[in-house]
């Protein structure tokens, strides 16, 4: 099964599937409302996304 992570236009996570919990080891409660670049993007790629979405 695939992990499903929803992202809104501001980069915030409104949806986080059970398989996303297994893959990233963050609960749905921990992930929802956070930014994708903090929750799932490796550190070395975050700088580019901060320029796109703004700081977390």
C-alpha atoms as a PDB file:
ATOM      1  CA  UNK A   1       0.000   0.000   0.000  1.00  0.00           C
ATOM      2  CA  UNK A   2       1.169   3.529  -0.780  1.00  0.00           C
ATOM      3  CA  UNK A   3       1.588   6.328   1.733  1.00  0.00           C
ATOM      4  CA  UNK A   4      -0.771   9.232   1.026  1.00  0.00           C
ATOM      5  CA  UNK A   5       0.134  12.697   2.238  1.00  0.00           C
ATOM      6  CA  UNK A   6      -2.105  15.609   1.359  1.00  0.00           C
ATOM      7  CA  UNK A   7      -0.567  19.061   1.042  1.00  0.00           C
ATOM      8  CA  UNK A   8      -2.364  22.389   0.671  1.00  0.00           C
ATOM      9  CA  UNK A   9      -1.152  25.401  -1.330  1.00  0.00           C
ATOM     10  CA  UNK A  10       0.775  26.686   1.698  1.00  0.00           C
ATOM     11  CA  UNK A  11       2.672  23.410   2.123  1.00  0.00           C
ATOM     12  CA  UNK A  12       0.664  22.385   5.216  1.00  0.00           C
ATOM     13  CA  UNK A  13      -0.423  18.790   5.735  1.00  0.00           C
ATOM     14  CA  UNK A  14      -4.212  18.328   6.100  1.00  0.00           C
ATOM     15  CA  UNK A  15      -4.144  14.550   5.527  1.00  0.00           C
ATOM     16  CA  UNK A  16      -1.761  11.742   6.549  1.00  0.00           C
ATOM     17  CA  UNK A  17      -2.506   8.081   5.830  1.00  0.00           C
ATOM     18  CA  UNK A  18      -1.803   5.063   7.991  1.00  0.00           C
ATOM     19  CA  UNK A  19       0.926   3.969   5.593  1.00  0.00           C
ATOM     20  CA  UNK A  20       2.536   7.424   5.916  1.00  0.00           C
ATOM     21  CA  UNK A  21       2.707   6.723   9.657  1.00  0.00           C
ATOM     22  CA  UNK A  22       4.555   3.472   8.926  1.00  0.00           C
ATOM     23  CA  UNK A  23       6.884   5.038   6.374  1.00  0.00           C
ATOM     24  CA  UNK A  24       7.825   8.269   8.158  1.00  0.00           C
ATOM     25  CA  UNK A  25       7.205   7.223  11.803  1.00  0.00           C
ATOM     26  CA  UNK A  26       5.109  10.324  12.578  1.00  0.00           C
ATOM     27  CA  UNK A  27       1.543   9.858  13.857  1.00  0.00           C
ATOM     28  CA  UNK A  28      -1.336  11.547  12.056  1.00  0.00           C
ATOM     29  CA  UNK A  29      -1.775  13.866  15.050  1.00  0.00           C
ATOM     30  CA  UNK A  30       1.896  14.866  14.873  1.00  0.00           C
ATOM     31  CA  UNK A  31       1.861  15.440  11.111  1.00  0.00           C
ATOM     32  CA  UNK A  32      -1.439  17.210  10.382  1.00  0.00           C
ATOM     33  CA  UNK A  33      -0.970  20.978  10.411  1.00  0.00           C
ATOM     34  CA  UNK A  34       2.801  20.764   9.994  1.00  0.00           C
ATOM     35  CA  UNK A  35       4.653  21.745   6.829  1.00  0.00           C
ATOM     36  CA  UNK A  36       5.747  19.084   4.367  1.00  0.00           C
ATOM     37  CA  UNK A  37       9.277  20.420   4.233  1.00  0.00           C
ATOM     38  CA  UNK A  38       9.683  19.843   7.975  1.00  0.00           C
ATOM     39  CA  UNK A  39       7.965  16.442   8.112  1.00  0.00           C
ATOM     40  CA  UNK A  40       9.143  14.564   5.030  1.00  0.00           C
ATOM     41  CA  UNK A  41      11.804  16.488   3.092  1.00  0.00           C
ATOM     42  CA  UNK A  42      15.442  15.609   3.894  1.00  0.00           C
ATOM     43  CA  UNK A  43      17.469  18.419   5.464  1.00  0.00           C
ATOM     44  CA  UNK A  44      19.661  18.959   2.404  1.00  0.00           C
ATOM     45  CA  UNK A  45      16.567  19.774   0.257  1.00  0.00           C
ATOM     46  CA  UNK A  46      14.706  21.959   2.759  1.00  0.00           C
ATOM     47  CA  UNK A  47      16.475  25.193   1.937  1.00  0.00           C
ATOM     48  CA  UNK A  48      15.082  25.210  -1.599  1.00  0.00           C
ATOM     49  CA  UNK A  49      11.534  24.636  -0.343  1.00  0.00           C
ATOM     50  CA  UNK A  50      11.750  27.335   2.316  1.00  0.00           C
ATOM     51  CA  UNK A  51      12.336  29.790  -0.516  1.00  0.00           C
ATOM     52  CA  UNK A  52       9.177  28.501  -2.208  1.00  0.00           C
ATOM     53  CA  UNK A  53       6.841  28.176   0.792  1.00  0.00           C
ATOM     54  CA  UNK A  54       8.499  30.517   3.279  1.00  0.00           C
ATOM     55  CA  UNK A  55       9.953  29.609   6.681  1.00  0.00           C
ATOM     56  CA  UNK A  56       8.119  27.142   8.921  1.00  0.00           C
END
